[in-house]
PDB file of N, CA and C in Angstrom:
ATOM      1  N   UNK A   1      -8.099   0.592  22.058  1.00  0.00           N
ATOM      2  CA  UNK A   1      -6.856   0.514  22.355  1.00  0.00           C
ATOM      3  C   UNK A   1      -6.402   2.083  22.508  1.00  0.00           C
ATOM      4  N   UNK A   2      -5.685   2.259  23.583  1.00  0.00           N
ATOM      5  CA  UNK A   2      -5.065   3.671  23.767  1.00  0.00           C
ATOM      6  C   UNK A   2      -3.715   3.876  22.856  1.00  0.00           C
ATOM      7  N   UNK A   3      -3.658   5.217  22.745  1.00  0.00           N
ATOM      8  CA  UNK A   3      -2.469   5.588  21.766  1.00  0.00           C
ATOM      9  C   UNK A   3      -1.162   4.976  22.120  1.00  0.00           C
ATOM     10  N   UNK A   4      -0.865   4.988  23.557  1.00  0.00           N
ATOM     11  CA  UNK A   4       0.374   4.635  24.076  1.00  0.00           C
ATOM     12  C   UNK A   4       0.494   3.230  23.897  1.00  0.00           C
ATOM     13  N   UNK A   5      -0.458   2.364  24.027  1.00  0.00           N
ATOM     14  CA  UNK A   5      -0.403   0.861  24.101  1.00  0.00           C
ATOM     15  C   UNK A   5      -0.249   0.637  22.310  1.00  0.00           C
ATOM     16  N   UNK A   6      -0.742   1.373  21.488  1.00  0.00           N
ATOM     17  CA  UNK A   6      -0.660   1.082  20.019  1.00  0.00           C
ATOM     18  C   UNK A   6       0.725   1.230  19.630  1.00  0.00           C
ATOM     19  N   UNK A   7       1.278   2.269  20.112  1.00  0.00           N
ATOM     20  CA  UNK A   7       2.798   2.633  19.653  1.00  0.00           C
ATOM     21  C   UNK A   7       3.760   1.712  20.468  1.00  0.00           C
ATOM     22  N   UNK A   8       3.336   1.347  21.560  1.00  0.00           N
ATOM     23  CA  UNK A   8       4.335   0.207  22.316  1.00  0.00           C
ATOM     24  C   UNK A   8       4.126  -1.136  21.573  1.00  0.00           C
ATOM     25  N   UNK A   9       2.930  -1.401  20.894  1.00  0.00           N
ATOM     26  CA  UNK A   9       2.965  -2.782  20.201  1.00  0.00           C
ATOM     27  C   UNK A   9       3.725  -2.502  18.761  1.00  0.00           C
ATOM     28  N   UNK A  10       3.470  -1.479  18.205  1.00  0.00           N
ATOM     29  CA  UNK A  10       4.179  -1.326  16.972  1.00  0.00           C
ATOM     30  C   UNK A  10       5.627  -1.074  17.055  1.00  0.00           C
ATOM     31  N   UNK A  11       6.011  -0.390  18.251  1.00  0.00           N
ATOM     32  CA  UNK A  11       7.467  -0.697  18.467  1.00  0.00           C
ATOM     33  C   UNK A  11       8.290  -1.905  18.695  1.00  0.00           C
ATOM     34  N   UNK A  12       7.430  -2.781  19.393  1.00  0.00           N
ATOM     35  CA  UNK A  12       7.831  -4.122  19.642  1.00  0.00           C
ATOM     36  C   UNK A  12       7.915  -4.918  18.504  1.00  0.00           C
ATOM     37  N   UNK A  13       6.785  -4.923  17.865  1.00  0.00           N
ATOM     38  CA  UNK A  13       6.716  -5.905  16.554  1.00  0.00           C
ATOM     39  C   UNK A  13       7.824  -5.345  15.528  1.00  0.00           C
ATOM     40  N   UNK A  14       7.989  -4.161  15.127  1.00  0.00           N
ATOM     41  CA  UNK A  14       9.101  -3.773  14.491  1.00  0.00           C
ATOM     42  C   UNK A  14      10.318  -3.613  14.908  1.00  0.00           C
ATOM     43  N   UNK A  15      10.554  -3.829  16.123  1.00  0.00           N
ATOM     44  CA  UNK A  15      11.933  -3.615  16.796  1.00  0.00           C
ATOM     45  C   UNK A  15      12.536  -2.493  16.614  1.00  0.00           C
ATOM     46  N   UNK A  16      11.666  -1.371  16.927  1.00  0.00           N
ATOM     47  CA  UNK A  16      12.196   0.070  16.879  1.00  0.00           C
ATOM     48  C   UNK A  16      11.834   0.781  18.302  1.00  0.00           C
ATOM     49  N   UNK A  17      12.419   2.118  18.473  1.00  0.00           N
ATOM     50  CA  UNK A  17      12.035   3.039  19.444  1.00  0.00           C
ATOM     51  C   UNK A  17      10.706   3.404  19.332  1.00  0.00           C
ATOM     52  N   UNK A  18      10.056   3.878  20.448  1.00  0.00           N
ATOM     53  CA  UNK A  18       8.766   4.415  20.202  1.00  0.00           C
ATOM     54  C   UNK A  18       8.701   5.662  19.450  1.00  0.00           C
ATOM     55  N   UNK A  19       9.871   6.425  19.343  1.00  0.00           N
ATOM     56  CA  UNK A  19       9.663   7.712  18.287  1.00  0.00           C
ATOM     57  C   UNK A  19       9.774   7.096  16.993  1.00  0.00           C
ATOM     58  N   UNK A  20      10.405   6.036  16.539  1.00  0.00           N
ATOM     59  CA  UNK A  20      10.466   5.411  15.317  1.00  0.00           C
ATOM     60  C   UNK A  20       9.179   4.644  14.959  1.00  0.00           C
ATOM     61  N   UNK A  21       8.453   4.250  16.060  1.00  0.00           N
ATOM     62  CA  UNK A  21       7.363   3.627  15.767  1.00  0.00           C
ATOM     63  C   UNK A  21       6.151   4.484  15.442  1.00  0.00           C
ATOM     64  N   UNK A  22       6.214   5.662  16.207  1.00  0.00           N
ATOM     65  CA  UNK A  22       5.288   6.955  15.948  1.00  0.00           C
ATOM     66  C   UNK A  22       5.520   7.421  14.545  1.00  0.00           C
ATOM     67  N   UNK A  23       6.793   7.542  14.015  1.00  0.00           N
ATOM     68  CA  UNK A  23       6.842   7.913  12.543  1.00  0.00           C
ATOM     69  C   UNK A  23       6.617   6.841  11.588  1.00  0.00           C
ATOM     70  N   UNK A  24       6.784   5.674  11.837  1.00  0.00           N
ATOM     71  CA  UNK A  24       6.278   4.848  11.071  1.00  0.00           C
ATOM     72  C   UNK A  24       4.887   4.418  11.018  1.00  0.00           C
ATOM     73  N   UNK A  25       4.129   4.513  12.066  1.00  0.00           N
ATOM     74  CA  UNK A  25       2.713   4.512  12.178  1.00  0.00           C
ATOM     75  C   UNK A  25       2.156   5.775  11.246  1.00  0.00           C
ATOM     76  N   UNK A  26       2.532   6.932  11.574  1.00  0.00           N
ATOM     77  CA  UNK A  26       2.058   8.064  10.817  1.00  0.00           C
ATOM     78  C   UNK A  26       2.312   7.873   9.439  1.00  0.00           C
ATOM     79  N   UNK A  27       3.313   7.449   8.950  1.00  0.00           N
ATOM     80  CA  UNK A  27       3.730   7.121   7.497  1.00  0.00           C
ATOM     81  C   UNK A  27       2.889   5.896   6.896  1.00  0.00           C
ATOM     82  N   UNK A  28       2.721   4.947   7.449  1.00  0.00           N
ATOM     83  CA  UNK A  28       1.755   3.912   7.000  1.00  0.00           C
ATOM     84  C   UNK A  28       0.441   4.521   6.918  1.00  0.00           C
ATOM     85  N   UNK A  29      -0.197   5.014   7.986  1.00  0.00           N
ATOM     86  CA  UNK A  29      -1.566   5.478   7.941  1.00  0.00           C
ATOM     87  C   UNK A  29      -1.890   6.541   6.673  1.00  0.00           C
ATOM     88  N   UNK A  30      -0.969   7.507   6.734  1.00  0.00           N
ATOM     89  CA  UNK A  30      -1.121   8.304   5.698  1.00  0.00           C
ATOM     90  C   UNK A  30      -1.022   7.776   4.480  1.00  0.00           C
ATOM     91  N   UNK A  31      -0.147   6.912   4.153  1.00  0.00           N
ATOM     92  CA  UNK A  31       0.023   6.368   2.697  1.00  0.00           C
ATOM     93  C   UNK A  31      -1.223   5.378   2.512  1.00  0.00           C
ATOM     94  N   UNK A  32      -1.481   4.674   3.500  1.00  0.00           N
ATOM     95  CA  UNK A  32      -3.016   4.006   3.572  1.00  0.00           C
ATOM     96  C   UNK A  32      -4.210   4.731   3.152  1.00  0.00           C
ATOM     97  N   UNK A  33      -4.181   6.064   3.614  1.00  0.00           N
ATOM     98  CA  UNK A  33      -5.174   6.960   3.347  1.00  0.00           C
ATOM     99  C   UNK A  33      -5.231   7.261   1.922  1.00  0.00           C
ATOM    100  N   UNK A  34      -3.992   7.503   1.192  1.00  0.00           N
ATOM    101  CA  UNK A  34      -4.091   7.617  -0.168  1.00  0.00           C
ATOM    102  C   UNK A  34      -4.203   6.449  -0.917  1.00  0.00           C
ATOM    103  N   UNK A  35      -4.215   5.332  -0.655  1.00  0.00           N
ATOM    104  CA  UNK A  35      -4.386   4.125  -1.158  1.00  0.00           C
ATOM    105  C   UNK A  35      -5.799   3.739  -1.193  1.00  0.00           C
ATOM    106  N   UNK A  36      -6.579   4.050   0.004  1.00  0.00           N
ATOM    107  CA  UNK A  36      -7.862   3.350  -0.199  1.00  0.00           C
ATOM    108  C   UNK A  36      -8.984   4.744  -0.022  1.00  0.00           C
ATOM    109  N   UNK A  37     -10.119   4.192  -0.432  1.00  0.00           N
ATOM    110  CA  UNK A  37     -11.244   5.470  -0.532  1.00  0.00           C
ATOM    111  C   UNK A  37     -11.255   6.451   0.788  1.00  0.00           C
ATOM    112  N   UNK A  38     -11.619   7.718   0.515  1.00  0.00           N
ATOM    113  CA  UNK A  38     -11.810   8.411   1.559  1.00  0.00           C
ATOM    114  C   UNK A  38     -12.881   8.078   2.508  1.00  0.00           C
ATOM    115  N   UNK A  39     -13.942   7.400   2.041  1.00  0.00           N
ATOM    116  CA  UNK A  39     -14.864   6.890   3.090  1.00  0.00           C
ATOM    117  C   UNK A  39     -14.322   5.749   3.942  1.00  0.00           C
ATOM    118  N   UNK A  40     -13.427   5.034   3.519  1.00  0.00           N
ATOM    119  CA  UNK A  40     -12.966   3.942   4.118  1.00  0.00           C
ATOM    120  C   UNK A  40     -12.090   4.272   5.126  1.00  0.00           C
ATOM    121  N   UNK A  41     -11.083   5.349   4.746  1.00  0.00           N
ATOM    122  CA  UNK A  41     -10.285   5.873   5.633  1.00  0.00           C
ATOM    123  C   UNK A  41     -10.992   6.432   6.754  1.00  0.00           C
ATOM    124  N   UNK A  42     -12.112   7.414   6.470  1.00  0.00           N
ATOM    125  CA  UNK A  42     -12.807   7.831   7.646  1.00  0.00           C
ATOM    126  C   UNK A  42     -13.233   6.803   8.564  1.00  0.00           C
ATOM    127  N   UNK A  43     -13.801   5.753   7.841  1.00  0.00           N
ATOM    128  CA  UNK A  43     -14.289   4.408   8.693  1.00  0.00           C
ATOM    129  C   UNK A  43     -13.218   3.951   9.700  1.00  0.00           C
ATOM    130  N   UNK A  44     -12.125   3.671   9.174  1.00  0.00           N
ATOM    131  CA  UNK A  44     -11.028   3.324   9.786  1.00  0.00           C
ATOM    132  C   UNK A  44     -10.546   4.320  10.923  1.00  0.00           C
ATOM    133  N   UNK A  45     -10.457   5.290  10.641  1.00  0.00           N
ATOM    134  CA  UNK A  45      -9.936   6.416  11.631  1.00  0.00           C
ATOM    135  C   UNK A  45     -11.052   6.422  12.650  1.00  0.00           C
ATOM    136  N   UNK A  46     -12.167   6.242  12.417  1.00  0.00           N
ATOM    137  CA  UNK A  46     -13.322   6.490  13.495  1.00  0.00           C
ATOM    138  C   UNK A  46     -13.050   5.300  14.601  1.00  0.00           C
ATOM    139  N   UNK A  47     -12.324   4.396  14.306  1.00  0.00           N
ATOM    140  CA  UNK A  47     -11.864   3.203  15.118  1.00  0.00           C
ATOM    141  C   UNK A  47     -10.599   3.117  16.128  1.00  0.00           C
ATOM    142  N   UNK A  48      -9.947   4.384  15.588  1.00  0.00           N
ATOM    143  CA  UNK A  48      -8.642   4.454  16.148  1.00  0.00           C
ATOM    144  C   UNK A  48      -8.320   5.490  17.297  1.00  0.00           C
ATOM    145  N   UNK A  49      -7.443   5.455  18.221  1.00  0.00           N
ATOM    146  CA  UNK A  49      -7.151   6.489  19.001  1.00  0.00           C
ATOM    147  C   UNK A  49      -7.254   7.921  18.436  1.00  0.00           C
ATOM    148  N   UNK A  50      -7.618   9.003  19.047  1.00  0.00           N
ATOM    149  CA  UNK A  50      -7.885  10.123  18.546  1.00  0.00           C
ATOM    150  C   UNK A  50      -6.429  10.584  17.908  1.00  0.00           C
ATOM    151  N   UNK A  51      -5.307  10.290  18.464  1.00  0.00           N
ATOM    152  CA  UNK A  51      -4.142  10.925  18.127  1.00  0.00           C
ATOM    153  C   UNK A  51      -3.701  10.448  16.668  1.00  0.00           C
ATOM    154  N   UNK A  52      -4.214   9.372  16.263  1.00  0.00           N
ATOM    155  CA  UNK A  52      -4.113   8.697  14.908  1.00  0.00           C
ATOM    156  C   UNK A  52      -4.863   9.092  13.945  1.00  0.00           C
ATOM    157  N   UNK A  53      -5.902   9.596  14.338  1.00  0.00           N
ATOM    158  CA  UNK A  53      -7.173   9.898  13.301  1.00  0.00           C
ATOM    159  C   UNK A  53      -6.582  11.017  12.202  1.00  0.00           C
ATOM    160  N   UNK A  54      -5.778  11.897  12.778  1.00  0.00           N
ATOM    161  CA  UNK A  54      -5.416  13.035  11.608  1.00  0.00           C
ATOM    162  C   UNK A  54      -4.690  12.377  10.435  1.00  0.00           C
ATOM    163  N   UNK A  55      -3.918  11.307  10.690  1.00  0.00           N
ATOM    164  CA  UNK A  55      -3.156  10.707   9.688  1.00  0.00           C
ATOM    165  C   UNK A  55      -3.818  10.057   8.580  1.00  0.00           C
ATOM    166  N   UNK A  56      -5.310   9.848   8.734  1.00  0.00           N
ATOM    167  CA  UNK A  56      -6.241   9.195   7.662  1.00  0.00           C
ATOM    168  C   UNK A  56      -6.984  10.192   6.973  1.00  0.00           C
ATOM    169  N   UNK A  57      -7.011  11.744   7.716  1.00  0.00           N
ATOM    170  CA  UNK A  57      -7.821  12.468   7.045  1.00  0.00           C
ATOM    171  C   UNK A  57      -7.395  13.028   5.767  1.00  0.00           C
ATOM    172  N   UNK A  58      -8.335  13.613   5.058  1.00  0.00           N
ATOM    173  CA  UNK A  58      -8.063  14.373   3.809  1.00  0.00           C
ATOM    174  C   UNK A  58      -7.744  13.590   2.675  1.00  0.00           C
ATOM    175  N   UNK A  59      -8.291  12.260   2.744  1.00  0.00           N
ATOM    176  CA  UNK A  59      -7.872  11.113   1.735  1.00  0.00           C
ATOM    177  C   UNK A  59      -8.776  11.685   0.302  1.00  0.00           C
ATOM    178  N   UNK A  60      -7.910  11.681  -0.767  1.00  0.00           N
ATOM    179  CA  UNK A  60      -8.487  11.956  -1.922  1.00  0.00           C
ATOM    180  C   UNK A  60      -9.495  10.831  -2.574  1.00  0.00           C
ATOM    181  N   UNK A  61     -10.530  11.253  -3.336  1.00  0.00           N
ATOM    182  CA  UNK A  61     -11.222  10.409  -4.025  1.00  0.00           C
ATOM    183  C   UNK A  61     -11.051  10.598  -5.455  1.00  0.00           C
ATOM    184  N   UNK A  62     -10.607   9.509  -6.247  1.00  0.00           N
ATOM    185  CA  UNK A  62     -10.710   8.142  -5.838  1.00  0.00           C
ATOM    186  C   UNK A  62      -9.283   7.795  -5.294  1.00  0.00           C
ATOM    187  N   UNK A  63      -9.116   6.587  -4.761  1.00  0.00           N
ATOM    188  CA  UNK A  63      -7.938   6.255  -4.181  1.00  0.00           C
ATOM    189  C   UNK A  63      -6.578   5.982  -5.245  1.00  0.00           C
ATOM    190  N   UNK A  64      -5.539   6.346  -4.805  1.00  0.00           N
ATOM    191  CA  UNK A  64      -4.420   6.397  -5.667  1.00  0.00           C
ATOM    192  C   UNK A  64      -3.797   4.989  -5.874  1.00  0.00           C
ATOM    193  N   UNK A  65      -3.663   4.553  -7.075  1.00  0.00           N
ATOM    194  CA  UNK A  65      -3.330   3.020  -7.142  1.00  0.00           C
ATOM    195  C   UNK A  65      -1.736   2.924  -6.867  1.00  0.00           C
ATOM    196  N   UNK A  66      -1.480   2.298  -5.777  1.00  0.00           N
ATOM    197  CA  UNK A  66      -0.004   2.090  -5.417  1.00  0.00           C
ATOM    198  C   UNK A  66       0.305   0.568  -5.271  1.00  0.00           C
ATOM    199  N   UNK A  67       1.316   0.021  -5.836  1.00  0.00           N
ATOM    200  CA  UNK A  67       1.720  -1.386  -5.773  1.00  0.00           C
ATOM    201  C   UNK A  67       2.393  -1.458  -4.360  1.00  0.00           C
ATOM    202  N   UNK A  68       2.690  -2.655  -3.995  1.00  0.00           N
ATOM    203  CA  UNK A  68       2.987  -2.892  -2.561  1.00  0.00           C
ATOM    204  C   UNK A  68       4.628  -2.103  -2.391  1.00  0.00           C
ATOM    205  N   UNK A  69       5.251  -2.316  -3.406  1.00  0.00           N
ATOM    206  CA  UNK A  69       6.556  -1.847  -3.319  1.00  0.00           C
ATOM    207  C   UNK A  69       6.516  -0.404  -3.414  1.00  0.00           C
ATOM    208  N   UNK A  70       5.666   0.262  -4.004  1.00  0.00           N
ATOM    209  CA  UNK A  70       5.665   1.715  -4.181  1.00  0.00           C
ATOM    210  C   UNK A  70       5.049   2.154  -2.643  1.00  0.00           C
ATOM    211  N   UNK A  71       4.061   1.478  -2.210  1.00  0.00           N
ATOM    212  CA  UNK A  71       3.795   1.772  -0.675  1.00  0.00           C
ATOM    213  C   UNK A  71       4.668   1.787   0.206  1.00  0.00           C
ATOM    214  N   UNK A  72       5.569   0.625   0.160  1.00  0.00           N
ATOM    215  CA  UNK A  72       6.803   0.643   1.051  1.00  0.00           C
ATOM    216  C   UNK A  72       7.626   1.748   1.024  1.00  0.00           C
ATOM    217  N   UNK A  73       7.917   2.057  -0.185  1.00  0.00           N
ATOM    218  CA  UNK A  73       8.867   3.053  -0.398  1.00  0.00           C
ATOM    219  C   UNK A  73       8.421   4.221  -0.055  1.00  0.00           C
ATOM    220  N   UNK A  74       7.081   4.500  -0.217  1.00  0.00           N
ATOM    221  CA  UNK A  74       6.531   5.954   0.173  1.00  0.00           C
ATOM    222  C   UNK A  74       6.529   6.075   1.741  1.00  0.00           C
ATOM    223  N   UNK A  75       6.340   4.822   2.304  1.00  0.00           N
ATOM    224  CA  UNK A  75       6.462   4.617   3.830  1.00  0.00           C
ATOM    225  C   UNK A  75       7.864   5.021   4.528  1.00  0.00           C
ATOM    226  N   UNK A  76       8.801   4.419   3.633  1.00  0.00           N
ATOM    227  CA  UNK A  76      10.182   4.699   4.163  1.00  0.00           C
ATOM    228  C   UNK A  76      10.601   6.105   3.843  1.00  0.00           C
ATOM    229  N   UNK A  77      10.253   6.760   2.830  1.00  0.00           N
ATOM    230  CA  UNK A  77      10.580   7.999   2.531  1.00  0.00           C
ATOM    231  C   UNK A  77       9.970   8.927   3.727  1.00  0.00           C
ATOM    232  N   UNK A  78       8.827   8.768   4.186  1.00  0.00           N
ATOM    233  CA  UNK A  78       7.959   9.471   5.051  1.00  0.00           C
ATOM    234  C   UNK A  78       8.411   9.458   6.172  1.00  0.00           C
ATOM    235  N   UNK A  79       8.814   8.343   6.828  1.00  0.00           N
ATOM    236  CA  UNK A  79       9.338   7.879   8.029  1.00  0.00           C
ATOM    237  C   UNK A  79      10.756   7.994   8.197  1.00  0.00           C
ATOM    238  N   UNK A  80      11.605   8.439   7.042  1.00  0.00           N
ATOM    239  CA  UNK A  80      13.044   8.656   7.155  1.00  0.00           C
ATOM    240  C   UNK A  80      13.882   7.354   7.428  1.00  0.00           C
ATOM    241  N   UNK A  81      13.345   6.363   6.946  1.00  0.00           N
ATOM    242  CA  UNK A  81      14.124   4.962   7.105  1.00  0.00           C
ATOM    243  C   UNK A  81      14.267   4.151   5.780  1.00  0.00           C
ATOM    244  N   UNK A  82      14.923   3.126   6.003  1.00  0.00           N
ATOM    245  CA  UNK A  82      15.198   2.346   4.746  1.00  0.00           C
ATOM    246  C   UNK A  82      14.053   1.363   4.402  1.00  0.00           C
ATOM    247  N   UNK A  83      13.877   0.732   3.361  1.00  0.00           N
ATOM    248  CA  UNK A  83      12.868   0.035   2.943  1.00  0.00           C
ATOM    249  C   UNK A  83      12.510  -1.165   3.863  1.00  0.00           C
ATOM    250  N   UNK A  84      13.799  -1.857   4.153  1.00  0.00           N
ATOM    251  CA  UNK A  84      13.443  -3.056   5.193  1.00  0.00           C
ATOM    252  C   UNK A  84      12.815  -2.718   6.635  1.00  0.00           C
ATOM    253  N   UNK A  85      13.199  -1.600   7.051  1.00  0.00           N
ATOM    254  CA  UNK A  85      12.417  -1.150   8.335  1.00  0.00           C
ATOM    255  C   UNK A  85      10.927  -0.659   8.013  1.00  0.00           C
ATOM    256  N   UNK A  86      10.835  -0.154   7.082  1.00  0.00           N
ATOM    257  CA  UNK A  86       9.357   0.436   6.598  1.00  0.00           C
ATOM    258  C   UNK A  86       8.697  -0.907   6.184  1.00  0.00           C
ATOM    259  N   UNK A  87       9.207  -1.813   5.551  1.00  0.00           N
ATOM    260  CA  UNK A  87       8.269  -3.077   5.588  1.00  0.00           C
ATOM    261  C   UNK A  87       8.131  -3.739   6.908  1.00  0.00           C
ATOM    262  N   UNK A  88       8.842  -3.936   7.747  1.00  0.00           N
ATOM    263  CA  UNK A  88       8.569  -4.317   8.985  1.00  0.00           C
ATOM    264  C   UNK A  88       7.740  -3.377   9.856  1.00  0.00           C
ATOM    265  N   UNK A  89       7.702  -2.029   9.453  1.00  0.00           N
ATOM    266  CA  UNK A  89       6.803  -1.106  10.097  1.00  0.00           C
ATOM    267  C   UNK A  89       5.461  -1.520   9.656  1.00  0.00           C
ATOM    268  N   UNK A  90       5.261  -1.704   8.279  1.00  0.00           N
ATOM    269  CA  UNK A  90       3.966  -1.854   7.670  1.00  0.00           C
ATOM    270  C   UNK A  90       3.297  -2.977   8.164  1.00  0.00           C
ATOM    271  N   UNK A  91       4.009  -3.878   8.502  1.00  0.00           N
ATOM    272  CA  UNK A  91       3.680  -5.324   9.149  1.00  0.00           C
ATOM    273  C   UNK A  91       3.039  -5.118  10.553  1.00  0.00           C
ATOM    274  N   UNK A  92       3.966  -4.330  11.213  1.00  0.00           N
ATOM    275  CA  UNK A  92       3.630  -3.958  12.675  1.00  0.00           C
ATOM    276  C   UNK A  92       2.445  -3.340  12.842  1.00  0.00           C
ATOM    277  N   UNK A  93       2.117  -2.263  12.030  1.00  0.00           N
ATOM    278  CA  UNK A  93       1.030  -1.420  11.927  1.00  0.00           C
ATOM    279  C   UNK A  93      -0.179  -2.016  11.805  1.00  0.00           C
ATOM    280  N   UNK A  94      -0.281  -2.991  10.798  1.00  0.00           N
ATOM    281  CA  UNK A  94      -1.215  -3.717  10.405  1.00  0.00           C
ATOM    282  C   UNK A  94      -1.675  -4.785  11.376  1.00  0.00           C
ATOM    283  N   UNK A  95      -0.736  -5.421  11.961  1.00  0.00           N
ATOM    284  CA  UNK A  95      -0.909  -6.359  12.840  1.00  0.00           C
ATOM    285  C   UNK A  95      -1.575  -5.599  14.249  1.00  0.00           C
ATOM    286  N   UNK A  96      -1.154  -4.481  14.412  1.00  0.00           N
ATOM    287  CA  UNK A  96      -1.878  -3.986  15.599  1.00  0.00           C
ATOM    288  C   UNK A  96      -3.050  -3.261  15.243  1.00  0.00           C
ATOM    289  N   UNK A  97      -3.236  -2.813  14.104  1.00  0.00           N
ATOM    290  CA  UNK A  97      -4.624  -2.380  13.620  1.00  0.00           C
ATOM    291  C   UNK A  97      -5.647  -3.583  13.622  1.00  0.00           C
ATOM    292  N   UNK A  98      -5.165  -4.847  13.306  1.00  0.00           N
ATOM    293  CA  UNK A  98      -6.124  -5.960  13.582  1.00  0.00           C
ATOM    294  C   UNK A  98      -6.579  -6.277  15.002  1.00  0.00           C
ATOM    295  N   UNK A  99      -5.798  -5.730  15.889  1.00  0.00           N
ATOM    296  CA  UNK A  99      -6.126  -5.836  17.223  1.00  0.00           C
ATOM    297  C   UNK A  99      -7.027  -4.876  17.905  1.00  0.00           C
ATOM    298  N   UNK A 100      -7.033  -3.598  17.068  1.00  0.00           N
ATOM    299  CA  UNK A 100      -7.555  -2.381  17.438  1.00  0.00           C
ATOM    300  C   UNK A 100      -8.961  -2.205  16.953  1.00  0.00           C
ATOM    301  N   UNK A 101      -9.219  -2.568  15.499  1.00  0.00           N
ATOM    302  CA  UNK A 101     -10.456  -2.378  14.836  1.00  0.00           C
ATOM    303  C   UNK A 101     -11.192  -3.490  14.487  1.00  0.00           C
ATOM    304  N   UNK A 102     -12.324  -3.559  14.274  1.00  0.00           N
ATOM    305  CA  UNK A 102     -13.261  -4.828  14.026  1.00  0.00           C
ATOM    306  C   UNK A 102     -12.742  -5.475  12.814  1.00  0.00           C
ATOM    307  N   UNK A 103     -13.201  -6.784  13.004  1.00  0.00           N
ATOM    308  CA  UNK A 103     -12.693  -7.724  11.695  1.00  0.00           C
ATOM    309  C   UNK A 103     -13.339  -7.035  10.496  1.00  0.00           C
ATOM    310  N   UNK A 104     -14.249  -6.548  10.522  1.00  0.00           N
ATOM    311  CA  UNK A 104     -15.294  -5.975   9.366  1.00  0.00           C
ATOM    312  C   UNK A 104     -14.677  -4.981   8.849  1.00  0.00           C
ATOM    313  N   UNK A 105     -13.948  -4.106   9.675  1.00  0.00           N
ATOM    314  CA  UNK A 105     -13.152  -2.898   9.283  1.00  0.00           C
ATOM    315  C   UNK A 105     -11.923  -3.365   8.529  1.00  0.00           C
ATOM    316  N   UNK A 106     -11.138  -4.320   9.093  1.00  0.00           N
ATOM    317  CA  UNK A 106      -9.747  -4.849   8.443  1.00  0.00           C
ATOM    318  C   UNK A 106     -10.285  -5.450   7.160  1.00  0.00           C
ATOM    319  N   UNK A 107     -11.292  -6.136   6.916  1.00  0.00           N
ATOM    320  CA  UNK A 107     -11.695  -6.687   5.740  1.00  0.00           C
ATOM    321  C   UNK A 107     -12.055  -5.874   4.573  1.00  0.00           C
ATOM    322  N   UNK A 108     -12.671  -4.638   5.222  1.00  0.00           N
ATOM    323  CA  UNK A 108     -12.992  -3.594   4.143  1.00  0.00           C
ATOM    324  C   UNK A 108     -11.790  -3.046   3.747  1.00  0.00           C
ATOM    325  N   UNK A 109     -10.806  -2.672   4.538  1.00  0.00           N
ATOM    326  CA  UNK A 109      -9.563  -1.929   4.037  1.00  0.00           C
ATOM    327  C   UNK A 109      -8.818  -3.032   3.225  1.00  0.00           C
ATOM    328  N   UNK A 110      -8.756  -4.397   3.533  1.00  0.00           N
ATOM    329  CA  UNK A 110      -7.941  -5.205   2.824  1.00  0.00           C
ATOM    330  C   UNK A 110      -8.700  -5.511   1.415  1.00  0.00           C
ATOM    331  N   UNK A 111      -9.847  -5.328   1.137  1.00  0.00           N
ATOM    332  CA  UNK A 111     -10.404  -5.472   0.075  1.00  0.00           C
ATOM    333  C   UNK A 111     -10.287  -4.302  -0.900  1.00  0.00           C
ATOM    334  N   UNK A 112      -9.475  -3.160  -0.542  1.00  0.00           N
ATOM    335  CA  UNK A 112      -9.316  -2.058  -1.448  1.00  0.00           C
ATOM    336  C   UNK A 112      -7.858  -2.261  -1.859  1.00  0.00           C
ATOM    337  N   UNK A 113      -7.013  -3.300  -1.179  1.00  0.00           N
ATOM    338  CA  UNK A 113      -5.397  -3.377  -1.468  1.00  0.00           C
ATOM    339  C   UNK A 113      -5.421  -4.360  -2.441  1.00  0.00           C
ATOM    340  N   UNK A 114      -4.254  -4.259  -3.398  1.00  0.00           N
ATOM    341  CA  UNK A 114      -3.998  -5.243  -4.023  1.00  0.00           C
ATOM    342  C   UNK A 114      -3.673  -6.534  -3.345  1.00  0.00           C
ATOM    343  N   UNK A 115      -3.542  -7.863  -4.115  1.00  0.00           N
ATOM    344  CA  UNK A 115      -3.523  -8.990  -3.612  1.00  0.00           C
ATOM    345  C   UNK A 115      -1.829  -9.149  -2.913  1.00  0.00           C
ATOM    346  N   UNK A 116      -0.900  -8.425  -3.456  1.00  0.00           N
ATOM    347  CA  UNK A 116       0.464  -8.307  -2.962  1.00  0.00           C
ATOM    348  C   UNK A 116       0.379  -8.038  -1.259  1.00  0.00           C
ATOM    349  N   UNK A 117      -0.422  -7.325  -0.981  1.00  0.00           N
ATOM    350  CA  UNK A 117      -0.451  -6.661   0.196  1.00  0.00           C
ATOM    351  C   UNK A 117      -0.671  -7.988   1.356  1.00  0.00           C
ATOM    352  N   UNK A 118      -1.325  -8.975   0.777  1.00  0.00           N
ATOM    353  CA  UNK A 118      -1.787 -10.269   1.644  1.00  0.00           C
ATOM    354  C   UNK A 118      -0.347 -10.750   1.945  1.00  0.00           C
ATOM    355  N   UNK A 119       0.550 -11.052   0.770  1.00  0.00           N
ATOM    356  CA  UNK A 119       1.969 -11.556   1.256  1.00  0.00           C
ATOM    357  C   UNK A 119       2.632 -10.885   2.075  1.00  0.00           C
ATOM    358  N   UNK A 120       2.755  -9.426   1.953  1.00  0.00           N
ATOM    359  CA  UNK A 120       3.603  -8.554   2.699  1.00  0.00           C
ATOM    360  C   UNK A 120       3.000  -8.636   4.386  1.00  0.00           C
ATOM    361  N   UNK A 121       1.862  -8.933   4.563  1.00  0.00           N
ATOM    362  CA  UNK A 121       1.270  -8.794   5.774  1.00  0.00           C
ATOM    363  C   UNK A 121       1.112 -10.131   6.355  1.00  0.00           C
ATOM    364  N   UNK A 122       1.256 -11.200   5.743  1.00  0.00           N
ATOM    365  CA  UNK A 122       1.242 -12.543   6.113  1.00  0.00           C
ATOM    366  C   UNK A 122      -0.042 -13.107   6.726  1.00  0.00           C
TER     367      UNK A 122
END
């Protein structure tokens, strides 16, 4: 999937402008990179459009333990929005990731996230 398609889908799913979709996507990917291992972040980045790859770079080992609410709060702060919009953005980005990367890759990412993420992501 191309970058512009990715942003359009995130924007539609989160019901936000393309500019807000870009900010939310960057915040979600950056926060996700902190929450999963550096190797997994690199694996995920390799399957994304080039413009999104830097948001997953430089993740520390080991991953930072973040609960779902902390993850959403950090996304909200980074994207400059409220937690409800951040929560919608997280869902939109993950839904779009599912269409963009292999099922195996999504399964690998989800395996590193707490069970609460499954509720958030539906």
